[in-house]
Structure formats: C-alpha cells, structure tokens
Amino acid sequence: MTAIVKNILTDKLPEISQLSFVIDGANIAYELKNSRNKPQLSNIKTLMNKLDSMELTNYKIICDNSLRYHIDKRKGYYSFIKQKKIIETPSGAEADVFILQYAYDNQSYIISNDKFRDYFHIFDKKWIKKMRMSFVFINNEIYLDKLIKLTKIMS
C-alpha cells in the first residue's frame, strides 16, 4: 500500500505534505562533484530546500558512514549529523539496506539515482521502481521525476 492510495473511509487522497521520503544522501552528494572532485554538501542542501519549499518536511536523509571522509564541507556535514538532519549508517554498513528497509516500513518514496538492483532478491523489483524517484541537477536546481506527477494527482 502506498502513500497515494485513497483512504477507504474518506475516499480522499492524503495531502501531499503527508508524503514520506527517504533520501540516499551519498548518492545526492556525489551527483555533482566540486572542482576538486569531492561530493558536495550543497547538493543535499539544495534537495532539502526544494522539499521544504513544497512543505514536504517528512523526510530522512541516510548516508554511508564513509561519506564523512570525502564530503567537501566536513564541518557542515557534522553539524547536520548533530542536528539529526543526516543519519549515518554504522561503520562498514552500506546505506542502501537501511534506505530500502526504512522506505518499506514507512511507505516512503526513495530519492536516489541508484536503481538498487543488488536488492531485487530481497525487495520486489516493481516496488523499488514504483517508490524510487530519480533526480537531475539543472542550473543549481534539483528536479525529481515523480514529484510533479504526485503533486498533480493529489491536488
């Protein structure tokens, strides 16, 4: 059952602000690297700003523990961890499993360009395809492939 399924009692779709998202933070950070070939914290901030501006505040950002050693703005990254804006996986653990499990348990959309093929034997391939939103950065803005469809369906 997904977040856009009609409520049986009210026959209404939930408000768009009630949608839940889990974000593959490392995937976002690595999408556009800086001039020194480092993943950028600003990519994550851009996505956060986009979601917040649409009043989509029900999201979790999960990052591989190793991102802390590569990210361009370490102080900002550590600050986000301290503020609980970013959740780091335990050392040596891949974020993908936690992202997929969180999405499955909470009926959350997954924001990532990772297709999660290595997990098709655990999580249904159709479910992953349905719940995953891919993205692209254009002129310092982020665009999500399914977000416009959801906003139109729900309005």
N, C-alpha and C. Protein backbone atom coordinates (compact mmCIF):
# COMPACT_ATOMS: atom_id res chain seq x y z
N MET A 1 0.85 -1.17 0.00
CA MET A 1 0.00 0.00 0.00
C MET A 1 0.89 1.24 0.00
N THR A 2 0.65 2.15 -0.89
CA THR A 2 1.48 3.35 -0.97
C THR A 2 0.78 4.54 -0.36
N ALA A 3 1.54 5.61 -0.23
CA ALA A 3 1.02 6.83 0.39
C ALA A 3 -0.05 7.50 -0.45
N ILE A 4 -0.16 7.17 -1.72
CA ILE A 4 -1.17 7.85 -2.54
C ILE A 4 -2.44 7.03 -2.71
N VAL A 5 -2.56 5.92 -1.99
CA VAL A 5 -3.78 5.12 -2.03
C VAL A 5 -4.88 5.88 -1.31
N LYS A 6 -6.09 5.87 -1.87
CA LYS A 6 -7.21 6.58 -1.26
C LYS A 6 -7.54 5.99 0.11
N ASN A 7 -7.93 6.84 1.03
CA ASN A 7 -8.40 6.41 2.33
C ASN A 7 -9.79 5.81 2.14
N ILE A 8 -9.99 4.58 2.56
CA ILE A 8 -11.24 3.87 2.35
C ILE A 8 -12.42 4.59 3.00
N LEU A 9 -12.21 5.16 4.17
CA LEU A 9 -13.30 5.81 4.89
C LEU A 9 -13.68 7.16 4.29
N THR A 10 -12.71 7.94 3.86
CA THR A 10 -12.99 9.29 3.37
C THR A 10 -12.98 9.39 1.86
N ASP A 11 -12.47 8.37 1.19
CA ASP A 11 -12.35 8.36 -0.27
C ASP A 11 -11.52 9.55 -0.78
N LYS A 12 -10.56 9.98 0.03
CA LYS A 12 -9.70 11.10 -0.36
C LYS A 12 -8.25 10.66 -0.39
N LEU A 13 -7.51 11.31 -1.24
CA LEU A 13 -6.06 11.12 -1.25
C LEU A 13 -5.47 11.90 -0.09
N PRO A 14 -4.38 11.43 0.48
CA PRO A 14 -3.75 12.21 1.55
C PRO A 14 -3.18 13.52 1.00
N GLU A 15 -3.00 14.47 1.87
CA GLU A 15 -2.36 15.73 1.47
C GLU A 15 -0.93 15.44 1.04
N ILE A 16 -0.43 16.20 0.10
CA ILE A 16 0.94 16.00 -0.37
C ILE A 16 1.94 16.17 0.77
N SER A 17 1.62 17.05 1.72
CA SER A 17 2.53 17.28 2.85
C SER A 17 2.66 16.05 3.75
N GLN A 18 1.78 15.07 3.59
CA GLN A 18 1.84 13.85 4.40
C GLN A 18 2.74 12.78 3.78
N LEU A 19 3.21 13.01 2.59
CA LEU A 19 4.09 12.02 1.96
C LEU A 19 5.39 11.90 2.74
N SER A 20 5.95 10.71 2.71
CA SER A 20 7.20 10.42 3.41
C SER A 20 8.28 10.08 2.38
N PHE A 21 9.49 10.56 2.65
CA PHE A 21 10.62 10.33 1.76
C PHE A 21 11.83 9.86 2.56
N VAL A 22 12.64 9.01 1.94
CA VAL A 22 13.95 8.67 2.48
C VAL A 22 14.95 8.98 1.37
N ILE A 23 16.01 9.66 1.74
CA ILE A 23 16.96 10.20 0.77
C ILE A 23 18.30 9.48 0.88
N ASP A 24 18.80 9.05 -0.26
CA ASP A 24 20.12 8.44 -0.36
C ASP A 24 21.13 9.59 -0.41
N GLY A 25 21.56 10.04 0.77
CA GLY A 25 22.38 11.24 0.89
C GLY A 25 23.69 11.19 0.12
N ALA A 26 24.37 10.05 0.16
CA ALA A 26 25.64 9.94 -0.57
C ALA A 26 25.40 10.03 -2.07
N ASN A 27 24.34 9.42 -2.55
CA ASN A 27 24.01 9.47 -3.97
C ASN A 27 23.76 10.90 -4.41
N ILE A 28 23.07 11.66 -3.60
CA ILE A 28 22.81 13.08 -3.89
C ILE A 28 24.13 13.86 -3.89
N ALA A 29 24.93 13.66 -2.84
CA ALA A 29 26.19 14.41 -2.69
C ALA A 29 27.16 14.15 -3.84
N TYR A 30 27.22 12.91 -4.30
CA TYR A 30 28.15 12.54 -5.37
C TYR A 30 27.67 12.92 -6.77
N GLU A 31 26.41 13.29 -6.92
CA GLU A 31 25.88 13.57 -8.27
C GLU A 31 26.64 14.69 -8.97
N LEU A 32 26.88 15.78 -8.28
CA LEU A 32 27.68 16.89 -8.83
C LEU A 32 28.87 17.09 -7.90
N LYS A 33 30.04 16.76 -8.36
CA LYS A 33 31.24 16.94 -7.54
C LYS A 33 31.80 18.33 -7.75
N ASN A 34 32.56 18.80 -6.78
CA ASN A 34 33.17 20.13 -6.91
C ASN A 34 34.43 20.06 -7.78
N SER A 35 35.11 21.18 -7.90
CA SER A 35 36.30 21.26 -8.77
C SER A 35 37.44 20.35 -8.30
N ARG A 36 37.40 19.95 -7.03
CA ARG A 36 38.42 19.03 -6.50
C ARG A 36 37.92 17.58 -6.50
N ASN A 37 36.84 17.34 -7.26
CA ASN A 37 36.26 16.01 -7.42
C ASN A 37 35.72 15.42 -6.11
N LYS A 38 35.21 16.29 -5.25
CA LYS A 38 34.63 15.84 -3.97
C LYS A 38 33.11 15.95 -4.02
N PRO A 39 32.42 15.01 -3.34
CA PRO A 39 30.96 15.13 -3.24
C PRO A 39 30.60 16.40 -2.46
N GLN A 40 29.46 16.99 -2.81
CA GLN A 40 29.13 18.30 -2.25
C GLN A 40 27.94 18.26 -1.28
N LEU A 41 28.14 18.85 -0.13
CA LEU A 41 27.07 19.01 0.84
C LEU A 41 25.98 19.92 0.27
N SER A 42 26.35 20.85 -0.57
CA SER A 42 25.37 21.78 -1.16
C SER A 42 24.30 21.04 -1.97
N ASN A 43 24.63 19.89 -2.54
CA ASN A 43 23.63 19.10 -3.26
C ASN A 43 22.52 18.66 -2.31
N ILE A 44 22.93 18.21 -1.13
CA ILE A 44 21.96 17.78 -0.12
C ILE A 44 21.12 18.98 0.34
N LYS A 45 21.78 20.12 0.56
CA LYS A 45 21.06 21.34 0.97
C LYS A 45 20.06 21.76 -0.09
N THR A 46 20.43 21.66 -1.36
CA THR A 46 19.52 22.01 -2.45
C THR A 46 18.26 21.16 -2.41
N LEU A 47 18.43 19.86 -2.19
CA LEU A 47 17.27 18.97 -2.10
C LEU A 47 16.42 19.31 -0.88
N MET A 48 17.07 19.54 0.25
CA MET A 48 16.33 19.90 1.46
C MET A 48 15.51 21.18 1.23
N ASN A 49 16.12 22.17 0.62
CA ASN A 49 15.42 23.43 0.33
C ASN A 49 14.23 23.20 -0.59
N LYS A 50 14.40 22.34 -1.59
CA LYS A 50 13.31 22.03 -2.53
C LYS A 50 12.14 21.40 -1.79
N LEU A 51 12.42 20.38 -0.99
CA LEU A 51 11.35 19.70 -0.27
C LEU A 51 10.69 20.63 0.75
N ASP A 52 11.50 21.37 1.49
CA ASP A 52 10.96 22.31 2.49
C ASP A 52 10.08 23.37 1.84
N SER A 53 10.49 23.87 0.67
CA SER A 53 9.71 24.91 -0.02
C SER A 53 8.34 24.39 -0.47
N MET A 54 8.24 23.08 -0.63
CA MET A 54 6.97 22.46 -1.03
C MET A 54 6.20 21.95 0.19
N GLU A 55 6.71 22.28 1.38
CA GLU A 55 6.13 21.83 2.65
C GLU A 55 6.15 20.31 2.77
N LEU A 56 7.16 19.69 2.17
CA LEU A 56 7.38 18.25 2.28
C LEU A 56 8.47 18.05 3.33
N THR A 57 8.09 18.05 4.57
CA THR A 57 9.07 18.03 5.66
C THR A 57 9.24 16.64 6.28
N ASN A 58 8.50 15.66 5.81
CA ASN A 58 8.60 14.31 6.35
C ASN A 58 9.62 13.51 5.55
N TYR A 59 10.90 13.79 5.82
CA TYR A 59 11.95 13.07 5.11
C TYR A 59 13.12 12.76 6.04
N LYS A 60 13.82 11.70 5.69
CA LYS A 60 15.03 11.28 6.40
C LYS A 60 16.15 11.18 5.36
N ILE A 61 17.32 11.67 5.74
CA ILE A 61 18.50 11.58 4.87
C ILE A 61 19.44 10.56 5.50
N ILE A 62 19.73 9.51 4.78
CA ILE A 62 20.62 8.45 5.28
C ILE A 62 21.87 8.43 4.42
N CYS A 63 23.03 8.45 5.08
CA CYS A 63 24.32 8.46 4.38
C CYS A 63 25.21 7.33 4.87
N ASP A 64 26.02 6.82 3.96
CA ASP A 64 27.07 5.88 4.34
C ASP A 64 28.04 6.59 5.28
N ASN A 65 28.52 5.89 6.27
CA ASN A 65 29.48 6.46 7.22
C ASN A 65 30.72 6.99 6.52
N SER A 66 31.12 6.37 5.43
CA SER A 66 32.35 6.76 4.73
C SER A 66 32.25 8.14 4.06
N LEU A 67 31.04 8.65 3.87
CA LEU A 67 30.88 9.96 3.22
C LEU A 67 31.59 11.05 4.01
N ARG A 68 31.65 10.92 5.31
CA ARG A 68 32.30 11.93 6.16
C ARG A 68 33.76 12.17 5.78
N TYR A 69 34.40 11.18 5.19
CA TYR A 69 35.82 11.31 4.82
C TYR A 69 36.01 11.95 3.44
N HIS A 70 34.94 12.08 2.69
CA HIS A 70 35.05 12.57 1.31
C HIS A 70 34.30 13.87 1.03
N ILE A 71 33.31 14.18 1.83
CA ILE A 71 32.44 15.35 1.59
C ILE A 71 33.25 16.64 1.62
N ASP A 72 32.86 17.61 0.83
CA ASP A 72 33.63 18.85 0.72
C ASP A 72 33.55 19.74 1.97
N LYS A 73 32.43 19.79 2.62
CA LYS A 73 32.23 20.67 3.79
C LYS A 73 32.01 19.81 5.03
N ARG A 74 33.10 19.34 5.61
CA ARG A 74 33.00 18.41 6.75
C ARG A 74 32.31 19.03 7.96
N LYS A 75 32.64 20.28 8.27
CA LYS A 75 32.01 20.91 9.45
C LYS A 75 30.50 20.99 9.27
N GLY A 76 30.06 21.39 8.10
CA GLY A 76 28.63 21.45 7.81
C GLY A 76 27.97 20.08 7.88
N TYR A 77 28.68 19.09 7.38
CA TYR A 77 28.18 17.71 7.40
C TYR A 77 28.02 17.24 8.85
N TYR A 78 29.06 17.45 9.67
CA TYR A 78 28.99 17.05 11.08
C TYR A 78 27.88 17.80 11.81
N SER A 79 27.68 19.06 11.44
CA SER A 79 26.61 19.85 12.03
C SER A 79 25.24 19.24 11.70
N PHE A 80 25.06 18.80 10.47
CA PHE A 80 23.80 18.15 10.08
C PHE A 80 23.59 16.85 10.84
N ILE A 81 24.67 16.12 11.09
CA ILE A 81 24.55 14.88 11.88
C ILE A 81 24.14 15.23 13.31
N LYS A 82 24.79 16.22 13.88
CA LYS A 82 24.49 16.64 15.25
C LYS A 82 23.04 17.12 15.37
N GLN A 83 22.56 17.83 14.35
CA GLN A 83 21.18 18.34 14.33
C GLN A 83 20.17 17.26 13.95
N LYS A 84 20.66 16.06 13.67
CA LYS A 84 19.85 14.93 13.25
C LYS A 84 19.14 15.15 11.91
N LYS A 85 19.74 15.99 11.07
CA LYS A 85 19.23 16.17 9.72
C LYS A 85 19.76 15.08 8.80
N ILE A 86 20.92 14.53 9.17
CA ILE A 86 21.52 13.41 8.43
C ILE A 86 21.72 12.27 9.42
N ILE A 87 21.36 11.07 8.98
CA ILE A 87 21.57 9.85 9.76
C ILE A 87 22.68 9.08 9.07
N GLU A 88 23.73 8.77 9.82
CA GLU A 88 24.84 7.98 9.27
C GLU A 88 24.64 6.51 9.62
N THR A 89 24.99 5.65 8.66
CA THR A 89 24.95 4.22 8.93
C THR A 89 26.16 3.85 9.79
N PRO A 90 26.10 2.70 10.46
CA PRO A 90 27.27 2.24 11.21
C PRO A 90 28.46 2.03 10.28
N SER A 91 29.65 2.14 10.82
CA SER A 91 30.87 1.96 10.05
C SER A 91 30.86 0.60 9.36
N GLY A 92 31.17 0.59 8.07
CA GLY A 92 31.24 -0.64 7.30
C GLY A 92 29.91 -1.11 6.72
N ALA A 93 28.82 -0.48 7.11
CA ALA A 93 27.50 -0.88 6.61
C ALA A 93 27.09 0.03 5.45
N GLU A 94 26.49 -0.55 4.44
CA GLU A 94 26.02 0.23 3.30
C GLU A 94 24.66 0.84 3.61
N ALA A 95 24.49 2.07 3.21
CA ALA A 95 23.23 2.78 3.47
C ALA A 95 22.05 2.17 2.72
N ASP A 96 22.31 1.53 1.59
CA ASP A 96 21.22 1.02 0.75
C ASP A 96 20.22 0.15 1.52
N VAL A 97 20.71 -0.75 2.34
CA VAL A 97 19.83 -1.64 3.09
C VAL A 97 18.94 -0.85 4.04
N PHE A 98 19.53 0.13 4.73
CA PHE A 98 18.76 0.95 5.67
C PHE A 98 17.74 1.82 4.93
N ILE A 99 18.13 2.34 3.79
CA ILE A 99 17.23 3.17 2.98
C ILE A 99 16.03 2.35 2.53
N LEU A 100 16.28 1.19 1.98
CA LEU A 100 15.20 0.34 1.50
C LEU A 100 14.31 -0.15 2.63
N GLN A 101 14.90 -0.53 3.74
CA GLN A 101 14.11 -1.01 4.88
C GLN A 101 13.24 0.11 5.44
N TYR A 102 13.80 1.31 5.57
CA TYR A 102 13.02 2.45 6.06
C TYR A 102 11.86 2.75 5.10
N ALA A 103 12.15 2.77 3.81
CA ALA A 103 11.11 3.05 2.81
C ALA A 103 10.00 2.01 2.88
N TYR A 104 10.39 0.76 3.00
CA TYR A 104 9.40 -0.33 3.06
C TYR A 104 8.54 -0.22 4.32
N ASP A 105 9.17 -0.02 5.45
CA ASP A 105 8.45 0.04 6.73
C ASP A 105 7.55 1.27 6.85
N ASN A 106 7.94 2.36 6.20
CA ASN A 106 7.22 3.63 6.35
C ASN A 106 6.49 4.09 5.10
N GLN A 107 6.43 3.23 4.09
CA GLN A 107 5.78 3.55 2.82
C GLN A 107 6.30 4.88 2.27
N SER A 108 7.62 5.01 2.29
CA SER A 108 8.28 6.25 1.88
C SER A 108 8.81 6.14 0.45
N TYR A 109 8.78 7.25 -0.24
CA TYR A 109 9.43 7.32 -1.54
C TYR A 109 10.93 7.45 -1.32
N ILE A 110 11.70 6.87 -2.21
CA ILE A 110 13.16 6.86 -2.13
C ILE A 110 13.71 7.84 -3.16
N ILE A 111 14.49 8.81 -2.71
CA ILE A 111 15.10 9.75 -3.65
C ILE A 111 16.55 9.33 -3.86
N SER A 112 16.81 8.80 -5.05
CA SER A 112 18.14 8.28 -5.38
C SER A 112 18.20 7.95 -6.87
N ASN A 113 19.38 8.06 -7.44
CA ASN A 113 19.59 7.58 -8.81
C ASN A 113 20.09 6.14 -8.82
N ASP A 114 20.33 5.58 -7.65
CA ASP A 114 20.70 4.18 -7.52
C ASP A 114 19.46 3.34 -7.84
N LYS A 115 19.61 2.35 -8.68
CA LYS A 115 18.46 1.50 -9.04
C LYS A 115 18.28 0.34 -8.07
N PHE A 116 19.22 0.14 -7.16
CA PHE A 116 19.14 -0.88 -6.11
C PHE A 116 18.99 -2.29 -6.67
N ARG A 117 19.60 -2.56 -7.81
CA ARG A 117 19.50 -3.87 -8.46
C ARG A 117 19.99 -5.01 -7.55
N ASP A 118 20.99 -4.71 -6.72
CA ASP A 118 21.54 -5.74 -5.83
C ASP A 118 20.52 -6.22 -4.79
N TYR A 119 19.39 -5.53 -4.69
CA TYR A 119 18.40 -5.85 -3.66
C TYR A 119 17.08 -6.35 -4.24
N PHE A 120 17.04 -6.62 -5.54
CA PHE A 120 15.81 -7.12 -6.16
C PHE A 120 15.40 -8.47 -5.58
N HIS A 121 16.35 -9.24 -5.08
CA HIS A 121 16.02 -10.55 -4.50
C HIS A 121 15.44 -10.41 -3.09
N ILE A 122 15.58 -9.24 -2.47
CA ILE A 122 15.05 -9.00 -1.13
C ILE A 122 13.77 -8.17 -1.19
N PHE A 123 13.83 -7.09 -1.94
CA PHE A 123 12.68 -6.19 -2.11
C PHE A 123 12.18 -6.34 -3.54
N ASP A 124 10.90 -6.42 -3.71
CA ASP A 124 10.31 -6.61 -5.02
C ASP A 124 10.77 -5.53 -6.00
N LYS A 125 11.21 -5.96 -7.16
CA LYS A 125 11.71 -5.04 -8.20
C LYS A 125 10.66 -3.99 -8.57
N LYS A 126 9.41 -4.41 -8.71
CA LYS A 126 8.33 -3.48 -9.07
C LYS A 126 8.13 -2.44 -7.97
N TRP A 127 8.22 -2.87 -6.73
CA TRP A 127 8.05 -1.95 -5.61
C TRP A 127 9.17 -0.91 -5.62
N ILE A 128 10.41 -1.34 -5.81
CA ILE A 128 11.54 -0.41 -5.86
C ILE A 128 11.33 0.60 -6.99
N LYS A 129 10.96 0.12 -8.16
CA LYS A 129 10.76 1.03 -9.31
C LYS A 129 9.64 2.03 -9.03
N LYS A 130 8.59 1.57 -8.38
CA LYS A 130 7.46 2.45 -8.09
C LYS A 130 7.81 3.50 -7.04
N MET A 131 8.61 3.14 -6.06
CA MET A 131 8.88 4.03 -4.93
C MET A 131 10.12 4.91 -5.14
N ARG A 132 10.96 4.57 -6.10
CA ARG A 132 12.19 5.34 -6.32
C ARG A 132 11.94 6.55 -7.20
N MET A 133 12.43 7.69 -6.76
CA MET A 133 12.39 8.92 -7.55
C MET A 133 13.81 9.24 -7.98
N SER A 134 14.03 9.32 -9.27
CA SER A 134 15.34 9.74 -9.74
C SER A 134 15.36 11.27 -9.81
N PHE A 135 16.53 11.82 -9.99
CA PHE A 135 16.68 13.27 -9.95
C PHE A 135 17.75 13.72 -10.93
N VAL A 136 17.73 15.02 -11.20
CA VAL A 136 18.77 15.63 -12.02
C VAL A 136 18.96 17.06 -11.50
N PHE A 137 20.20 17.52 -11.54
CA PHE A 137 20.51 18.91 -11.22
C PHE A 137 20.62 19.69 -12.52
N ILE A 138 19.89 20.81 -12.61
CA ILE A 138 19.98 21.70 -13.76
C ILE A 138 20.07 23.12 -13.22
N ASN A 139 21.14 23.82 -13.58
CA ASN A 139 21.33 25.22 -13.13
C ASN A 139 21.13 25.39 -11.62
N ASN A 140 21.80 24.56 -10.85
CA ASN A 140 21.76 24.62 -9.38
C ASN A 140 20.38 24.35 -8.78
N GLU A 141 19.51 23.75 -9.54
CA GLU A 141 18.20 23.32 -9.05
C GLU A 141 18.13 21.81 -9.18
N ILE A 142 17.32 21.18 -8.33
CA ILE A 142 17.13 19.74 -8.43
C ILE A 142 15.71 19.45 -8.89
N TYR A 143 15.59 18.49 -9.79
CA TYR A 143 14.30 18.09 -10.33
C TYR A 143 14.11 16.60 -10.07
N LEU A 144 12.95 16.24 -9.57
CA LEU A 144 12.63 14.86 -9.21
C LEU A 144 11.58 14.32 -10.18
N ASP A 145 11.83 13.16 -10.74
CA ASP A 145 10.96 12.67 -11.82
C ASP A 145 9.52 12.40 -11.43
N LYS A 146 9.24 11.90 -10.25
CA LYS A 146 7.86 11.56 -9.89
C LYS A 146 7.17 12.64 -9.06
N LEU A 147 7.90 13.62 -8.61
CA LEU A 147 7.31 14.62 -7.72
C LEU A 147 6.22 15.42 -8.40
N ILE A 148 6.42 15.80 -9.64
CA ILE A 148 5.40 16.58 -10.35
C ILE A 148 4.14 15.73 -10.56
N LYS A 149 4.32 14.45 -10.84
CA LYS A 149 3.15 13.57 -11.01
C LYS A 149 2.36 13.47 -9.72
N LEU A 150 3.04 13.33 -8.60
CA LEU A 150 2.36 13.23 -7.31
C LEU A 150 1.62 14.50 -6.97
N THR A 151 2.23 15.65 -7.21
CA THR A 151 1.57 16.91 -6.88
C THR A 151 0.33 17.10 -7.74
N LYS A 152 0.36 16.67 -8.98
CA LYS A 152 -0.82 16.79 -9.85
C LYS A 152 -1.92 15.82 -9.42
N ILE A 153 -1.56 14.61 -9.08
CA ILE A 153 -2.54 13.60 -8.65
C ILE A 153 -3.24 14.05 -7.37
N MET A 154 -2.48 14.65 -6.48
CA MET A 154 -3.01 14.96 -5.15
C MET A 154 -3.66 16.33 -5.05
N SER A 155 -3.55 17.14 -6.08
CA SER A 155 -4.16 18.48 -5.98
C SER A 155 -5.51 18.52 -6.66
